[in-house]
Amino acid sequence: MSTLFSPMDLKGHALPNRIAMAPLTRCRAGDGDVPQPISAVYYAQRASAGILVSEATNVTPKSCAFEKAPGIYSDAQVAGWKVVTDAVHKAGGRIFMQLWHCGRVGSEAILNGEAPLSPSGVNDDLGSLQVYGLMANGRYAQIAATPSRAMTLAEIEETIADYAKGAANAIKAGCDGVEIHAANGYLPHQFLSATLNQRTDKYGGSLQGRLQFLKEVIEAILAKVDASKVGIRISPFAGYNNTRDPNAKETYTAVAKMVESYGLVYLHVADTNAWGGTPDMPEILKTVRPHYTGCLMGNGGIDPVDAQKMVEEGALDMVAFGRPFLSNPDLPARIKNGGPYNEARYVGWYGGSEEGYTDYPAL
C-alpha cells in the first residue's frame, strides 16, 4: 500500500514522496518577464516536494492574465529560470514548468494594446474573467478584461509552435519536465468548450475538432521533449474563468483517453470549484480514472488527512498542495509531523518582494 511518503519512480524521475507543490501564480518577474533571483530562494525553500510545479509561465508575449508573471520565450528568461532550477537541484528537488497561454483571459492594458486571442472571440462574460495588473502605487489589483478576437489559422499554428519552443526552452533552462496548462479557463481549455469554441474549421465543431488544438500542442511538444518529461493539467468542471463546457464528461473522457495514448508522465486533475466550497473531485475521478492508467495527480482543497487516504486507496497517485505550500515551505515535514501549519497571509500573494513570499518560517 502506498502512502504520501512512499518513494515513487515516475518514468525515471526518482521521487522521495508523493507530495507535489501545485502551480501558484506569484507575479514577481522583472523587466522582460524574467524570473528574479528571489524566485530561486522561494522554489529552493520548497524543494522537499516530490515535484515542484512552477507558477504558470507564458509561452508568448501575446499571453498575459497576470502582469509580472514570468515567460519562457526569450534567452533572458531561460537564463533567469536556470538560476531557479540550479537552486532547486542543489536543494535536492525536481521542478516541472507549467506552460501557459491565457487566450481570451487578458486585457489590452497589459498586452501592449493588443486584443487577447481566443478560439472564437466570445466576449459575453468579460466580468467573469480574472485579470490582474500591477498598479503605479506598487499594489496588485484585478483589472477589467477587454474583448478578445478569434485567432486566424496562422495564429493557431504560431501558438502551437510557441508551446513547443517554450517546452524546449524549459528543458534548456534545467527543468526536469513541463506541464501543459489546459485548465482554469485558459487557451487549451477554451478550445475544448463548445461554448467558447464556435469555429467551423478543423479546430472546432465536433468533439474531435475541439480536441485538435490540444492534440497538436501535445504532439508539437513531444517532437522536442520526451513523454517522460511532459505532464498536463485539466480542470473538467471548473467555473473559474467561465469556460462553460456543456458536455464536460464527454469532453474529459476523450481528453483522458488522449493523454493515455501519448504516454505522458502524469495527468494533473484540478478541482478548482473546491476553492468555492463545491468540490467535484469524486466526479472528476469517475470521469477520467477509467480511461487513464498513468500517474494521476490531484489538487484542490485536499487536506493532508484526505490526501493520505486517497493515495492509500489508489484514487490518486500524488496530491498537489497549493496554498498550504505557499505558507509552509517545508510542507512535507509538517504533514509527517502532523503540523503545526503556518496560516497564509494575503499580503504578498501576488507581486511584491520577500514579504509573503520567502519569509514564511520553517519548522
Protein backbone atom coordinates (compact mmCIF):
# COMPACT_ATOMS: atom_id res chain seq x y z
CA MET A 1 0.00 0.00 0.00
CA SER A 2 1.36 3.41 -0.96
CA THR A 3 1.30 6.43 1.32
CA LEU A 4 2.07 10.11 0.78
CA PHE A 5 5.62 9.32 1.86
CA SER A 6 6.21 6.29 -0.34
CA PRO A 7 9.01 6.86 -2.86
CA MET A 8 7.97 6.71 -6.50
CA ASP A 9 9.73 6.07 -9.79
CA LEU A 10 7.87 8.39 -12.16
CA LYS A 11 9.18 7.24 -15.54
CA GLY A 12 12.76 7.82 -14.49
CA HIS A 13 12.11 10.66 -12.03
CA ALA A 14 13.01 9.34 -8.55
CA LEU A 15 10.56 10.99 -6.17
CA PRO A 16 11.10 10.82 -2.40
CA ASN A 17 7.36 11.27 -1.72
CA ARG A 18 4.01 11.73 -3.47
CA ILE A 19 3.53 15.34 -2.41
CA ALA A 20 3.65 17.92 -5.20
CA MET A 21 3.64 21.69 -4.99
CA ALA A 22 0.81 22.93 -7.16
CA PRO A 23 1.43 25.85 -9.54
CA LEU A 24 0.99 29.13 -7.67
CA THR A 25 0.86 32.44 -9.53
CA ARG A 26 3.20 34.82 -7.64
CA CYS A 27 3.96 37.59 -10.20
CA ARG A 28 7.47 38.65 -9.31
CA ALA A 29 9.20 38.67 -12.69
CA GLY A 30 11.38 41.63 -13.61
CA ASP A 31 11.74 43.56 -16.85
CA GLY A 32 11.05 41.40 -19.87
CA ASP A 33 9.15 38.97 -17.61
CA VAL A 34 12.46 37.46 -16.49
CA PRO A 35 12.45 35.44 -13.22
CA GLN A 36 14.42 37.17 -10.48
CA PRO A 37 16.95 35.67 -8.00
CA ILE A 38 14.39 35.85 -5.18
CA SER A 39 12.37 33.20 -7.02
CA ALA A 40 15.33 30.83 -6.75
CA VAL A 41 15.12 31.24 -2.97
CA TYR A 42 11.36 30.65 -3.00
CA TYR A 43 11.46 27.43 -5.01
CA ALA A 44 14.54 26.04 -3.25
CA GLN A 45 12.79 26.52 0.10
CA ARG A 46 10.07 24.13 -1.15
CA ALA A 47 12.35 21.56 -2.79
CA SER A 48 11.35 18.75 -0.39
CA ALA A 49 8.23 18.19 -2.52
CA GLY A 50 8.26 15.12 -4.73
CA ILE A 51 7.75 17.53 -7.63
CA LEU A 52 7.54 21.30 -7.74
CA VAL A 53 5.23 22.56 -10.48
CA SER A 54 6.26 26.10 -11.31
CA GLU A 55 3.95 29.06 -11.48
CA ALA A 56 2.18 29.34 -14.83
CA THR A 57 4.74 30.63 -17.34
CA ASN A 58 3.79 32.40 -20.57
CA VAL A 59 4.95 30.80 -23.83
CA THR A 60 4.48 34.06 -25.75
CA PRO A 61 4.19 37.80 -25.04
CA LYS A 62 0.67 37.52 -26.55
CA SER A 63 -0.40 35.74 -23.35
CA CYS A 64 -0.95 37.65 -20.12
CA ALA A 65 -3.66 37.35 -17.49
CA PHE A 66 -1.39 38.34 -14.59
CA GLU A 67 1.09 41.14 -15.12
CA LYS A 68 4.65 40.30 -13.99
CA ALA A 69 4.14 36.57 -14.45
CA PRO A 70 7.31 35.06 -15.94
CA GLY A 71 7.84 33.92 -19.52
CA ILE A 72 9.85 31.21 -21.27
CA TYR A 73 10.13 32.60 -24.81
CA SER A 74 13.36 34.67 -24.58
CA ASP A 75 17.01 33.90 -23.90
CA ALA A 76 16.96 36.19 -20.87
CA GLN A 77 14.01 34.26 -19.42
CA VAL A 78 15.80 30.95 -19.99
CA ALA A 79 18.83 32.33 -18.14
CA GLY A 80 16.62 33.58 -15.30
CA TRP A 81 14.94 30.20 -14.93
CA LYS A 82 18.34 28.46 -14.97
CA VAL A 83 19.19 30.24 -11.72
CA VAL A 84 15.94 28.90 -10.25
CA THR A 85 16.40 25.29 -11.41
CA ASP A 86 20.03 25.22 -10.26
CA ALA A 87 18.89 26.28 -6.78
CA VAL A 88 16.14 23.64 -6.72
CA HIS A 89 18.51 20.88 -7.80
CA LYS A 90 21.16 21.97 -5.29
CA ALA A 91 18.46 21.63 -2.60
CA GLY A 92 17.66 18.11 -3.85
CA GLY A 93 14.42 18.92 -5.66
CA ARG A 94 12.77 18.40 -9.01
CA ILE A 95 10.84 21.08 -10.94
CA PHE A 96 8.41 20.95 -13.86
CA MET A 97 7.49 24.19 -15.62
CA GLN A 98 3.82 24.89 -16.27
CA LEU A 99 3.39 26.20 -19.84
CA TRP A 100 0.71 28.88 -20.12
CA HIS A 101 -1.28 30.69 -22.77
CA CYS A 102 -4.13 32.68 -21.30
CA GLY A 103 -6.09 33.11 -24.53
CA ARG A 104 -9.14 35.32 -24.03
CA VAL A 105 -8.30 35.94 -20.35
CA GLY A 106 -6.40 39.19 -20.70
CA SER A 107 -6.52 42.93 -21.21
CA GLU A 108 -5.07 45.23 -23.84
CA ALA A 109 -3.75 47.25 -20.87
CA ILE A 110 -1.13 44.54 -20.21
CA LEU A 111 -0.87 43.19 -23.78
CA ASN A 112 0.78 46.23 -25.34
CA GLY A 113 -2.54 47.49 -26.66
CA GLU A 114 -3.35 44.21 -28.46
CA ALA A 115 -6.62 42.31 -28.07
CA PRO A 116 -6.39 38.94 -26.29
CA LEU A 117 -6.60 35.96 -28.64
CA SER A 118 -9.31 33.30 -28.35
CA PRO A 119 -10.86 30.45 -30.34
CA SER A 120 -13.93 32.42 -31.46
CA GLY A 121 -13.99 35.88 -29.92
CA VAL A 122 -16.71 35.07 -27.37
CA ASN A 123 -16.91 38.15 -25.14
CA ASP A 124 -20.29 37.97 -23.44
CA ASP A 125 -18.84 37.45 -19.96
CA LEU A 126 -15.83 39.73 -19.57
CA GLY A 127 -16.74 40.48 -15.96
CA SER A 128 -16.16 36.81 -15.11
CA LEU A 129 -12.54 36.76 -16.28
CA GLN A 130 -9.70 37.01 -13.78
CA VAL A 131 -7.11 39.53 -14.97
CA TYR A 132 -4.66 41.31 -12.66
CA GLY A 133 -2.21 44.16 -13.06
CA LEU A 134 0.47 46.00 -11.11
CA MET A 135 -0.70 49.47 -10.14
CA ALA A 136 1.51 52.56 -10.23
CA ASN A 137 1.47 52.61 -6.42
CA GLY A 138 3.01 49.14 -6.32
CA ARG A 139 -0.20 47.35 -5.37
CA TYR A 140 -1.51 44.37 -7.33
CA ALA A 141 -5.20 44.52 -8.27
CA GLN A 142 -7.83 42.96 -10.51
CA ILE A 143 -8.40 44.90 -13.72
CA ALA A 144 -11.07 44.71 -16.41
CA ALA A 145 -10.71 42.10 -19.14
CA THR A 146 -11.04 43.52 -22.65
CA PRO A 147 -12.67 41.87 -25.69
CA SER A 148 -10.77 39.08 -27.40
CA ARG A 149 -10.68 38.32 -31.10
CA ALA A 150 -10.81 34.98 -32.89
CA MET A 151 -7.45 33.51 -33.86
CA THR A 152 -6.60 33.02 -37.51
CA LEU A 153 -5.33 29.64 -38.66
CA ALA A 154 -1.85 31.15 -38.94
CA GLU A 155 -2.06 32.38 -35.34
CA ILE A 156 -3.14 28.94 -34.13
CA GLU A 157 -0.16 27.36 -35.88
CA GLU A 158 2.15 30.02 -34.44
CA THR A 159 0.79 29.40 -30.94
CA ILE A 160 1.30 25.64 -31.21
CA ALA A 161 4.90 26.36 -32.19
CA ASP A 162 5.17 28.69 -29.17
CA TYR A 163 4.27 25.81 -26.86
CA ALA A 164 6.93 23.61 -28.45
CA LYS A 165 9.57 26.34 -28.17
CA GLY A 166 8.54 27.01 -24.56
CA ALA A 167 8.90 23.33 -23.69
CA ALA A 168 12.33 23.12 -25.32
CA ASN A 169 13.38 26.33 -23.54
CA ALA A 170 12.20 24.94 -20.20
CA ILE A 171 14.40 21.88 -20.60
CA LYS A 172 17.27 24.13 -21.71
CA ALA A 173 16.72 26.13 -18.53
CA GLY A 174 17.23 22.96 -16.48
CA CYS A 175 13.64 21.97 -15.73
CA ASP A 176 13.03 18.27 -15.16
CA GLY A 177 9.88 18.45 -17.25
CA VAL A 178 6.94 20.58 -18.33
CA GLU A 179 3.22 20.67 -17.56
CA ILE A 180 0.76 21.81 -20.23
CA HIS A 181 -1.75 24.16 -18.57
CA ALA A 182 -5.04 23.03 -20.10
CA ALA A 183 -7.13 24.02 -17.07
CA ASN A 184 -8.75 27.04 -15.39
CA GLY A 185 -10.30 28.56 -18.50
CA TYR A 186 -7.06 29.26 -20.37
CA LEU A 187 -6.49 28.73 -24.08
CA PRO A 188 -6.49 24.91 -24.42
CA HIS A 189 -9.49 24.77 -22.07
CA GLN A 190 -11.23 27.36 -24.24
CA PHE A 191 -10.74 25.26 -27.36
CA LEU A 192 -12.27 22.24 -25.59
CA SER A 193 -15.50 24.05 -24.70
CA ALA A 194 -18.32 24.18 -27.27
CA THR A 195 -19.49 27.43 -25.64
CA LEU A 196 -16.23 29.26 -26.27
CA ASN A 197 -15.11 27.36 -29.37
CA GLN A 198 -17.60 28.08 -32.14
CA ARG A 199 -15.16 27.55 -35.00
CA THR A 200 -16.23 25.75 -38.18
CA ASP A 201 -12.73 24.74 -39.33
CA LYS A 202 -10.73 21.71 -38.17
CA TYR A 203 -10.25 23.24 -34.70
CA GLY A 204 -13.96 23.38 -33.86
CA GLY A 205 -17.37 21.87 -34.40
CA SER A 206 -17.29 18.21 -33.34
CA LEU A 207 -15.64 16.89 -30.19
CA GLN A 208 -12.70 15.73 -32.30
CA GLY A 209 -12.40 19.22 -33.74
CA ARG A 210 -12.38 20.78 -30.29
CA LEU A 211 -9.69 18.32 -29.19
CA GLN A 212 -7.50 19.18 -32.18
CA PHE A 213 -5.71 22.21 -30.71
CA LEU A 214 -4.65 20.35 -27.57
CA LYS A 215 -3.73 17.30 -29.64
CA GLU A 216 -1.40 19.37 -31.83
CA VAL A 217 0.11 21.14 -28.81
CA ILE A 218 0.96 17.78 -27.24
CA GLU A 219 2.42 16.45 -30.49
CA ALA A 220 4.48 19.59 -31.08
CA ILE A 221 5.93 19.38 -27.56
CA LEU A 222 6.63 15.65 -27.90
CA ALA A 223 8.65 16.41 -31.03
CA LYS A 224 11.01 18.38 -28.73
CA VAL A 225 10.70 16.69 -25.33
CA ASP A 226 10.31 13.03 -24.34
CA ALA A 227 6.89 11.99 -22.99
CA SER A 228 8.56 11.04 -19.69
CA LYS A 229 9.04 14.78 -19.15
CA VAL A 230 5.58 16.02 -20.20
CA GLY A 231 2.54 16.25 -17.92
CA ILE A 232 -0.78 18.02 -18.35
CA ARG A 233 -3.25 19.78 -16.05
CA ILE A 234 -7.01 19.81 -16.60
CA SER A 235 -10.00 21.09 -14.59
CA PRO A 236 -13.06 19.44 -16.18
CA PHE A 237 -15.84 21.16 -14.24
CA ALA A 238 -14.12 24.43 -13.31
CA GLY A 239 -16.21 27.57 -13.05
CA TYR A 240 -13.08 29.72 -12.91
CA ASN A 241 -12.88 31.99 -15.96
CA ASN A 242 -16.32 30.79 -17.02
CA THR A 243 -15.44 28.15 -19.62
CA ARG A 244 -18.97 26.69 -19.55
CA ASP A 245 -18.39 23.31 -21.18
CA PRO A 246 -21.91 21.93 -21.76
CA ASN A 247 -20.63 18.35 -22.14
CA ALA A 248 -17.71 18.18 -19.71
CA LYS A 249 -17.99 14.45 -19.01
CA GLU A 250 -17.84 13.60 -22.70
CA THR A 251 -15.03 16.09 -23.30
CA TYR A 252 -12.79 14.89 -20.49
CA THR A 253 -13.40 11.22 -21.09
CA ALA A 254 -11.92 11.91 -24.52
CA VAL A 255 -9.09 14.00 -23.07
CA ALA A 256 -8.17 11.22 -20.61
CA LYS A 257 -8.07 8.69 -23.45
CA MET A 258 -5.89 11.04 -25.50
CA VAL A 259 -3.43 11.64 -22.65
CA GLU A 260 -3.25 7.86 -22.13
CA SER A 261 -2.49 7.31 -25.81
CA TYR A 262 0.51 9.65 -25.72
CA GLY A 263 2.01 8.11 -22.58
CA LEU A 264 2.50 11.44 -20.80
CA VAL A 265 4.25 11.29 -17.45
CA TYR A 266 1.22 12.39 -15.40
CA LEU A 267 -2.29 13.77 -15.58
CA HIS A 268 -2.94 16.54 -13.06
CA VAL A 269 -6.64 16.98 -12.26
CA ALA A 270 -7.58 20.26 -10.57
CA ASP A 271 -10.79 20.55 -8.58
CA THR A 272 -10.92 24.32 -8.98
CA ASN A 273 -14.50 24.58 -7.73
CA ALA A 274 -13.33 23.30 -4.34
CA TRP A 275 -11.93 26.80 -3.75
CA GLY A 276 -15.53 27.99 -3.50
CA GLY A 277 -16.71 25.09 -1.36
CA THR A 278 -18.29 22.91 -4.07
CA PRO A 279 -15.78 20.11 -4.63
CA ASP A 280 -16.00 17.97 -7.76
CA MET A 281 -13.12 15.53 -7.21
CA PRO A 282 -15.32 12.40 -6.96
CA GLU A 283 -16.94 13.28 -10.29
CA ILE A 284 -13.58 14.13 -11.88
CA LEU A 285 -12.18 10.76 -10.82
CA LYS A 286 -15.22 8.91 -12.17
CA THR A 287 -14.74 10.73 -15.48
CA VAL A 288 -11.01 10.23 -16.04
CA ARG A 289 -9.80 7.31 -13.92
CA PRO A 290 -11.39 4.52 -16.01
CA HIS A 291 -9.59 5.80 -19.12
CA TYR A 292 -6.16 6.75 -17.75
CA THR A 293 -3.74 4.27 -16.18
CA GLY A 294 -0.73 6.52 -15.61
CA CYS A 295 0.22 8.69 -12.66
CA LEU A 296 -2.82 10.69 -11.56
CA MET A 297 -2.12 13.82 -9.50
CA GLY A 298 -4.99 15.59 -7.74
CA ASN A 299 -5.30 19.15 -6.46
CA GLY A 300 -7.97 21.39 -5.00
CA GLY A 301 -8.85 21.85 -1.33
CA ILE A 302 -7.48 18.43 -0.28
CA ASP A 303 -6.24 18.40 3.32
CA PRO A 304 -3.37 16.12 4.39
CA VAL A 305 -5.64 13.55 6.05
CA ASP A 306 -7.80 13.15 2.95
CA ALA A 307 -4.69 13.19 0.75
CA GLN A 308 -3.22 10.27 2.68
CA LYS A 309 -6.48 8.34 2.37
CA MET A 310 -6.78 8.95 -1.37
CA VAL A 311 -3.24 7.73 -2.02
CA GLU A 312 -3.69 4.69 0.21
CA GLU A 313 -6.90 3.75 -1.60
CA GLY A 314 -5.33 4.29 -5.03
CA ALA A 315 -7.74 7.05 -6.05
CA LEU A 316 -4.72 9.29 -6.63
CA ASP A 317 -1.03 8.55 -7.06
CA MET A 318 0.10 12.02 -5.96
CA VAL A 319 -1.51 15.03 -4.30
CA ALA A 320 -0.57 18.61 -5.16
CA PHE A 321 -0.94 21.25 -2.45
CA GLY A 322 -1.20 24.94 -3.34
CA ARG A 323 -1.93 27.45 -0.59
CA PRO A 324 -0.51 25.20 2.16
CA PHE A 325 2.82 25.18 0.29
CA LEU A 326 2.68 28.97 -0.10
CA SER A 327 2.80 29.43 3.67
CA ASN A 328 4.68 26.25 4.65
CA PRO A 329 7.91 25.91 2.68
CA ASP A 330 8.67 22.61 4.44
CA LEU A 331 5.16 21.21 3.99
CA PRO A 332 6.14 17.50 3.69
CA ALA A 333 7.89 17.66 7.07
CA ARG A 334 4.89 19.36 8.63
CA ILE A 335 2.49 16.77 7.20
CA LYS A 336 4.66 13.95 8.55
CA ASN A 337 4.80 15.73 11.92
CA GLY A 338 1.04 16.40 11.98
CA GLY A 339 1.65 20.16 11.92
CA PRO A 340 1.79 22.85 13.10
CA TYR A 341 0.96 24.82 9.95
CA ASN A 342 1.59 28.49 9.16
CA GLU A 343 -1.51 30.37 8.05
CA ALA A 344 -1.26 32.06 4.65
CA ARG A 345 -1.26 35.85 4.72
CA TYR A 346 -2.86 37.72 1.83
CA VAL A 347 -0.05 40.26 1.77
CA GLY A 348 2.38 39.38 -1.00
CA TRP A 349 0.02 36.85 -2.55
CA TYR A 350 0.56 38.43 -5.98
CA GLY A 351 3.54 40.67 -6.64
CA GLY A 352 5.85 42.28 -4.13
CA SER A 353 9.14 41.21 -2.62
CA GLU A 354 10.12 38.91 0.27
CA GLU A 355 7.02 39.60 2.36
CA GLY A 356 4.52 36.81 1.91
CA TYR A 357 6.93 35.00 -0.42
CA THR A 358 10.18 33.85 1.16
CA ASP A 359 9.61 34.96 4.77
CA TYR A 360 7.42 32.09 5.99
CA PRO A 361 9.33 30.18 8.71
CA ALA A 362 10.29 26.52 8.53
CA LEU A 363 9.74 24.20 11.49
